[in-house]
PDB file of N, CA and C in Angstrom:
ATOM      1  N   MET A   1       0.847  -1.167   0.000  1.00  0.00           N
ATOM      2  CA  MET A   1       0.000   0.000   0.000  1.00  0.00           C
ATOM      3  C   MET A   1       0.893   1.230   0.000  1.00  0.00           C
ATOM      4  N   SER A   2       0.631   2.135  -0.886  1.00  0.00           N
ATOM      5  CA  SER A   2       1.419   3.363  -0.956  1.00  0.00           C
ATOM      6  C   SER A   2       0.838   4.420  -0.014  1.00  0.00           C
ATOM      7  N   PHE A   3       1.639   5.445   0.221  1.00  0.00           N
ATOM      8  CA  PHE A   3       1.186   6.542   1.081  1.00  0.00           C
ATOM      9  C   PHE A   3      -0.019   7.238   0.471  1.00  0.00           C
ATOM     10  N   ARG A   4      -0.026   7.384  -0.861  1.00  0.00           N
ATOM     11  CA  ARG A   4      -1.173   8.016  -1.527  1.00  0.00           C
ATOM     12  C   ARG A   4      -2.439   7.204  -1.293  1.00  0.00           C
ATOM     13  N   ASP A   5      -2.331   5.870  -1.288  1.00  0.00           N
ATOM     14  CA  ASP A   5      -3.486   5.023  -0.983  1.00  0.00           C
ATOM     15  C   ASP A   5      -3.978   5.321   0.426  1.00  0.00           C
ATOM     16  N   LEU A   6      -3.032   5.418   1.343  1.00  0.00           N
ATOM     17  CA  LEU A   6      -3.383   5.714   2.731  1.00  0.00           C
ATOM     18  C   LEU A   6      -4.084   7.058   2.832  1.00  0.00           C
ATOM     19  N   GLU A   7      -3.549   8.041   2.138  1.00  0.00           N
ATOM     20  CA  GLU A   7      -4.120   9.383   2.173  1.00  0.00           C
ATOM     21  C   GLU A   7      -5.553   9.381   1.643  1.00  0.00           C
ATOM     22  N   GLN A   8      -5.821   8.611   0.603  1.00  0.00           N
ATOM     23  CA  GLN A   8      -7.151   8.570   0.010  1.00  0.00           C
ATOM     24  C   GLN A   8      -8.134   7.783   0.861  1.00  0.00           C
ATOM     25  N   ILE A   9      -7.658   6.768   1.558  1.00  0.00           N
ATOM     26  CA  ILE A   9      -8.535   5.956   2.392  1.00  0.00           C
ATOM     27  C   ILE A   9      -9.068   6.759   3.573  1.00  0.00           C
ATOM     28  N   LYS A  10      -8.203   7.494   4.207  1.00  0.00           N
ATOM     29  CA  LYS A  10      -8.579   8.173   5.450  1.00  0.00           C
ATOM     30  C   LYS A  10      -7.887   9.523   5.502  1.00  0.00           C
ATOM     31  N   ALA A  11      -8.359  10.466   4.772  1.00  0.00           N
ATOM     32  CA  ALA A  11      -7.712  11.779   4.684  1.00  0.00           C
ATOM     33  C   ALA A  11      -7.681  12.449   6.057  1.00  0.00           C
ATOM     34  N   PRO A  12      -6.616  12.219   6.833  1.00  0.00           N
ATOM     35  CA  PRO A  12      -6.521  12.806   8.171  1.00  0.00           C
ATOM     36  C   PRO A  12      -6.441  14.330   8.113  1.00  0.00           C
ATOM     37  N   HIS A  13      -7.010  14.955   9.119  1.00  0.00           N
ATOM     38  CA  HIS A  13      -7.043  16.417   9.142  1.00  0.00           C
ATOM     39  C   HIS A  13      -6.205  17.009  10.264  1.00  0.00           C
ATOM     40  N   THR A  14      -5.942  16.232  11.297  1.00  0.00           N
ATOM     41  CA  THR A  14      -5.147  16.737  12.413  1.00  0.00           C
ATOM     42  C   THR A  14      -3.914  15.863  12.596  1.00  0.00           C
ATOM     43  N   ASP A  15      -2.963  16.351  13.370  1.00  0.00           N
ATOM     44  CA  ASP A  15      -1.759  15.571  13.646  1.00  0.00           C
ATOM     45  C   ASP A  15      -2.106  14.249  14.310  1.00  0.00           C
ATOM     46  N   ASP A  16      -3.050  14.278  15.250  1.00  0.00           N
ATOM     47  CA  ASP A  16      -3.456  13.046  15.923  1.00  0.00           C
ATOM     48  C   ASP A  16      -4.072  12.059  14.941  1.00  0.00           C
ATOM     49  N   ASP A  17      -4.844  12.556  13.974  1.00  0.00           N
ATOM     50  CA  ASP A  17      -5.425  11.681  12.949  1.00  0.00           C
ATOM     51  C   ASP A  17      -4.332  11.017  12.127  1.00  0.00           C
ATOM     52  N   TRP A  18      -3.300  11.810  11.770  1.00  0.00           N
ATOM     53  CA  TRP A  18      -2.182  11.250  10.988  1.00  0.00           C
ATOM     54  C   TRP A  18      -1.474  10.173  11.800  1.00  0.00           C
ATOM     55  N   LEU A  19      -1.181  10.445  13.057  1.00  0.00           N
ATOM     56  CA  LEU A  19      -0.491   9.472  13.889  1.00  0.00           C
ATOM     57  C   LEU A  19      -1.308   8.200  14.035  1.00  0.00           C
ATOM     58  N   GLN A  20      -2.602   8.338  14.192  1.00  0.00           N
ATOM     59  CA  GLN A  20      -3.479   7.174  14.303  1.00  0.00           C
ATOM     60  C   GLN A  20      -3.487   6.378  12.995  1.00  0.00           C
ATOM     61  N   ALA A  21      -3.545   7.065  11.856  1.00  0.00           N
ATOM     62  CA  ALA A  21      -3.535   6.382  10.558  1.00  0.00           C
ATOM     63  C   ALA A  21      -2.212   5.666  10.322  1.00  0.00           C
ATOM     64  N   LEU A  22      -1.094   6.291  10.684  1.00  0.00           N
ATOM     65  CA  LEU A  22       0.218   5.655  10.516  1.00  0.00           C
ATOM     66  C   LEU A  22       0.310   4.393  11.368  1.00  0.00           C
ATOM     67  N   GLU A  23      -0.262   4.433  12.555  1.00  0.00           N
ATOM     68  CA  GLU A  23      -0.276   3.271  13.440  1.00  0.00           C
ATOM     69  C   GLU A  23      -1.216   2.186  12.896  1.00  0.00           C
ATOM     70  N   GLU A  24      -2.412   2.582  12.519  1.00  0.00           N
ATOM     71  CA  GLU A  24      -3.422   1.634  12.037  1.00  0.00           C
ATOM     72  C   GLU A  24      -2.933   0.843  10.829  1.00  0.00           C
ATOM     73  N   TYR A  25      -2.233   1.496   9.922  1.00  0.00           N
ATOM     74  CA  TYR A  25      -1.762   0.836   8.712  1.00  0.00           C
ATOM     75  C   TYR A  25      -0.310   0.360   8.828  1.00  0.00           C
ATOM     76  N   ALA A  26       0.244   0.409  10.031  1.00  0.00           N
ATOM     77  CA  ALA A  26       1.600  -0.078  10.309  1.00  0.00           C
ATOM     78  C   ALA A  26       2.636   0.489   9.347  1.00  0.00           C
ATOM     79  N   VAL A  27       2.522   1.781   9.075  1.00  0.00           N
ATOM     80  CA  VAL A  27       3.466   2.457   8.185  1.00  0.00           C
ATOM     81  C   VAL A  27       4.833   2.471   8.861  1.00  0.00           C
ATOM     82  N   GLN A  28       5.864   2.061   8.125  1.00  0.00           N
ATOM     83  CA  GLN A  28       7.207   1.950   8.680  1.00  0.00           C
ATOM     84  C   GLN A  28       8.104   3.134   8.334  1.00  0.00           C
ATOM     85  N   PHE A  29       7.783   3.844   7.249  1.00  0.00           N
ATOM     86  CA  PHE A  29       8.551   5.040   6.906  1.00  0.00           C
ATOM     87  C   PHE A  29       7.662   6.042   6.201  1.00  0.00           C
ATOM     88  N   VAL A  30       8.041   7.309   6.297  1.00  0.00           N
ATOM     89  CA  VAL A  30       7.277   8.408   5.715  1.00  0.00           C
ATOM     90  C   VAL A  30       8.257   9.379   5.060  1.00  0.00           C
ATOM     91  N   VAL A  31       7.969   9.771   3.833  1.00  0.00           N
ATOM     92  CA  VAL A  31       8.760  10.782   3.127  1.00  0.00           C
ATOM     93  C   VAL A  31       7.907  12.037   3.049  1.00  0.00           C
ATOM     94  N   LEU A  32       8.395  13.133   3.625  1.00  0.00           N
ATOM     95  CA  LEU A  32       7.617  14.363   3.701  1.00  0.00           C
ATOM     96  C   LEU A  32       8.374  15.541   3.108  1.00  0.00           C
ATOM     97  N   SER A  33       7.619  16.491   2.605  1.00  0.00           N
ATOM     98  CA  SER A  33       8.165  17.750   2.122  1.00  0.00           C
ATOM     99  C   SER A  33       8.372  18.680   3.309  1.00  0.00           C
ATOM    100  N   GLN A  34       9.545  19.293   3.395  1.00  0.00           N
ATOM    101  CA  GLN A  34       9.820  20.228   4.489  1.00  0.00           C
ATOM    102  C   GLN A  34       8.868  21.424   4.438  1.00  0.00           C
ATOM    103  N   SER A  35       8.495  21.869   3.246  1.00  0.00           N
ATOM    104  CA  SER A  35       7.657  23.060   3.127  1.00  0.00           C
ATOM    105  C   SER A  35       6.163  22.740   3.161  1.00  0.00           C
ATOM    106  N   GLN A  36       5.734  21.700   2.487  1.00  0.00           N
ATOM    107  CA  GLN A  36       4.297  21.401   2.400  1.00  0.00           C
ATOM    108  C   GLN A  36       3.775  20.622   3.595  1.00  0.00           C
ATOM    109  N   ASP A  37       4.637  19.858   4.255  1.00  0.00           N
ATOM    110  CA  ASP A  37       4.211  19.010   5.373  1.00  0.00           C
ATOM    111  C   ASP A  37       4.859  19.438   6.684  1.00  0.00           C
ATOM    112  N   ASP A  38       5.149  20.709   6.815  1.00  0.00           N
ATOM    113  CA  ASP A  38       5.920  21.192   7.961  1.00  0.00           C
ATOM    114  C   ASP A  38       5.291  20.870   9.309  1.00  0.00           C
ATOM    115  N   LYS A  39       3.967  20.917   9.412  1.00  0.00           N
ATOM    116  CA  LYS A  39       3.313  20.593  10.689  1.00  0.00           C
ATOM    117  C   LYS A  39       3.517  19.135  11.058  1.00  0.00           C
ATOM    118  N   LEU A  40       3.359  18.244  10.072  1.00  0.00           N
ATOM    119  CA  LEU A  40       3.535  16.823  10.344  1.00  0.00           C
ATOM    120  C   LEU A  40       5.005  16.505  10.620  1.00  0.00           C
ATOM    121  N   VAL A  41       5.912  17.177   9.944  1.00  0.00           N
ATOM    122  CA  VAL A  41       7.348  17.010  10.212  1.00  0.00           C
ATOM    123  C   VAL A  41       7.625  17.337  11.676  1.00  0.00           C
ATOM    124  N   LYS A  42       7.135  18.459  12.147  1.00  0.00           N
ATOM    125  CA  LYS A  42       7.350  18.864  13.534  1.00  0.00           C
ATOM    126  C   LYS A  42       6.719  17.876  14.512  1.00  0.00           C
ATOM    127  N   THR A  43       5.544  17.371  14.163  1.00  0.00           N
ATOM    128  CA  THR A  43       4.869  16.396  15.017  1.00  0.00           C
ATOM    129  C   THR A  43       5.685  15.119  15.129  1.00  0.00           C
ATOM    130  N   LEU A  44       6.169  14.593  13.997  1.00  0.00           N
ATOM    131  CA  LEU A  44       6.942  13.354  14.033  1.00  0.00           C
ATOM    132  C   LEU A  44       8.290  13.547  14.728  1.00  0.00           C
ATOM    133  N   GLN A  45       8.854  14.746  14.648  1.00  0.00           N
ATOM    134  CA  GLN A  45      10.107  15.026  15.356  1.00  0.00           C
ATOM    135  C   GLN A  45       9.925  14.919  16.868  1.00  0.00           C
ATOM    136  N   ARG A  46       8.718  15.172  17.347  1.00  0.00           N
ATOM    137  CA  ARG A  46       8.434  15.114  18.789  1.00  0.00           C
ATOM    138  C   ARG A  46       8.033  13.714  19.259  1.00  0.00           C
ATOM    139  N   GLN A  47       7.751  12.804  18.325  1.00  0.00           N
ATOM    140  CA  GLN A  47       7.288  11.467  18.678  1.00  0.00           C
ATOM    141  C   GLN A  47       8.469  10.554  19.018  1.00  0.00           C
ATOM    142  N   THR A  48       8.354   9.814  20.113  1.00  0.00           N
ATOM    143  CA  THR A  48       9.427   8.903  20.490  1.00  0.00           C
ATOM    144  C   THR A  48       9.505   7.688  19.571  1.00  0.00           C
ATOM    145  N   GLY A  49       8.431   7.341  18.901  1.00  0.00           N
ATOM    146  CA  GLY A  49       8.410   6.162  18.039  1.00  0.00           C
ATOM    147  C   GLY A  49       8.909   6.402  16.629  1.00  0.00           C
ATOM    148  N   TRP A  50       9.323   7.621  16.313  1.00  0.00           N
ATOM    149  CA  TRP A  50       9.785   7.958  14.963  1.00  0.00           C
ATOM    150  C   TRP A  50      11.118   8.685  15.042  1.00  0.00           C
ATOM    151  N   SER A  51      11.973   8.440  14.039  1.00  0.00           N
ATOM    152  CA  SER A  51      13.236   9.180  13.982  1.00  0.00           C
ATOM    153  C   SER A  51      13.523   9.568  12.534  1.00  0.00           C
ATOM    154  N   ALA A  52      14.168  10.719  12.380  1.00  0.00           N
ATOM    155  CA  ALA A  52      14.530  11.202  11.043  1.00  0.00           C
ATOM    156  C   ALA A  52      15.754  10.421  10.560  1.00  0.00           C
ATOM    157  N   ASP A  53      15.591   9.673   9.473  1.00  0.00           N
ATOM    158  CA  ASP A  53      16.676   8.897   8.887  1.00  0.00           C
ATOM    159  C   ASP A  53      17.467   9.754   7.901  1.00  0.00           C
ATOM    160  N   PHE A  54      16.772  10.701   7.278  1.00  0.00           N
ATOM    161  CA  PHE A  54      17.389  11.649   6.343  1.00  0.00           C
ATOM    162  C   PHE A  54      16.660  12.969   6.475  1.00  0.00           C
ATOM    163  N   GLU A  55      17.418  14.056   6.467  1.00  0.00           N
ATOM    164  CA  GLU A  55      16.789  15.374   6.484  1.00  0.00           C
ATOM    165  C   GLU A  55      17.589  16.309   5.591  1.00  0.00           C
ATOM    166  N   GLY A  56      16.928  16.802   4.550  1.00  0.00           N
ATOM    167  CA  GLY A  56      17.557  17.736   3.625  1.00  0.00           C
ATOM    168  C   GLY A  56      16.802  19.045   3.600  1.00  0.00           C
ATOM    169  N   ASP A  57      17.193  19.936   2.694  1.00  0.00           N
ATOM    170  CA  ASP A  57      16.532  21.235   2.588  1.00  0.00           C
ATOM    171  C   ASP A  57      15.073  21.108   2.152  1.00  0.00           C
ATOM    172  N   GLU A  58      14.780  20.106   1.324  1.00  0.00           N
ATOM    173  CA  GLU A  58      13.437  19.990   0.756  1.00  0.00           C
ATOM    174  C   GLU A  58      12.606  18.847   1.319  1.00  0.00           C
ATOM    175  N   SER A  59      13.247  17.831   1.879  1.00  0.00           N
ATOM    176  CA  SER A  59      12.480  16.673   2.339  1.00  0.00           C
ATOM    177  C   SER A  59      13.097  16.056   3.584  1.00  0.00           C
ATOM    178  N   VAL A  60      12.301  15.217   4.213  1.00  0.00           N
ATOM    179  CA  VAL A  60      12.752  14.466   5.383  1.00  0.00           C
ATOM    180  C   VAL A  60      12.125  13.078   5.311  1.00  0.00           C
ATOM    181  N   ILE A  61      12.906  12.066   5.684  1.00  0.00           N
ATOM    182  CA  ILE A  61      12.415  10.694   5.721  1.00  0.00           C
ATOM    183  C   ILE A  61      12.435  10.246   7.177  1.00  0.00           C
ATOM    184  N   PHE A  62      11.274   9.871   7.673  1.00  0.00           N
ATOM    185  CA  PHE A  62      11.156   9.344   9.031  1.00  0.00           C
ATOM    186  C   PHE A  62      10.988   7.838   8.957  1.00  0.00           C
ATOM    187  N   ILE A  63      11.621   7.139   9.895  1.00  0.00           N
ATOM    188  CA  ILE A  63      11.406   5.698  10.014  1.00  0.00           C
ATOM    189  C   ILE A  63      10.863   5.420  11.409  1.00  0.00           C
ATOM    190  N   ARG A  64      10.031   4.395  11.457  1.00  0.00           N
ATOM    191  CA  ARG A  64       9.477   4.000  12.748  1.00  0.00           C
ATOM    192  C   ARG A  64      10.584   3.314  13.534  1.00  0.00           C
ATOM    193  N   SER A  65      10.754   3.706  14.768  1.00  0.00           N
ATOM    194  CA  SER A  65      11.777   3.107  15.623  1.00  0.00           C
ATOM    195  C   SER A  65      11.418   1.654  15.897  1.00  0.00           C
ATOM    196  N   ALA A  66      12.433   0.788  15.906  1.00  0.00           N
ATOM    197  CA  ALA A  66      12.209  -0.627  16.181  1.00  0.00           C
ATOM    198  C   ALA A  66      11.728  -0.798  17.610  1.00  0.00           C
ATOM    199  N   GLN A  67      10.707  -1.615  17.764  1.00  0.00           N
ATOM    200  CA  GLN A  67      10.209  -1.890  19.099  1.00  0.00           C
ATOM    201  C   GLN A  67      10.957  -3.098  19.647  1.00  0.00           C
ATOM    202  N   LYS A  68      11.113  -3.143  20.921  1.00  0.00           N
ATOM    203  CA  LYS A  68      11.838  -4.225  21.565  1.00  0.00           C
ATOM    204  C   LYS A  68      11.231  -5.580  21.172  1.00  0.00           C
ATOM    205  N   GLY A  69      12.073  -6.477  20.675  1.00  0.00           N
ATOM    206  CA  GLY A  69      11.605  -7.803  20.305  1.00  0.00           C
ATOM    207  C   GLY A  69      10.994  -7.903  18.927  1.00  0.00           C
ATOM    208  N   LYS A  70      10.883  -6.780  18.200  1.00  0.00           N
ATOM    209  CA  LYS A  70      10.303  -6.804  16.855  1.00  0.00           C
ATOM    210  C   LYS A  70      11.344  -6.346  15.877  1.00  0.00           C
ATOM    211  N   ARG A  71      11.190  -6.744  14.613  1.00  0.00           N
ATOM    212  CA  ARG A  71      12.096  -6.308  13.556  1.00  0.00           C
ATOM    213  C   ARG A  71      11.318  -5.593  12.508  1.00  0.00           C
TER     214      ARG A  71
END
């Protein structure tokens, strides 16, 4: 399932909605635009379960942190 599929299935409107959708669909990584997705970028930066794997001037890639005992 692509991110666009996820977006069309449940178009989240708030940061909490996005976090819930990412959890519900077990999304493991997210590629975001620094300018267009700035609110979600800031939200994921504050989440303990996500870390920035790459951050450039135009985009950032977040990966879900490995949970203990899971791969």
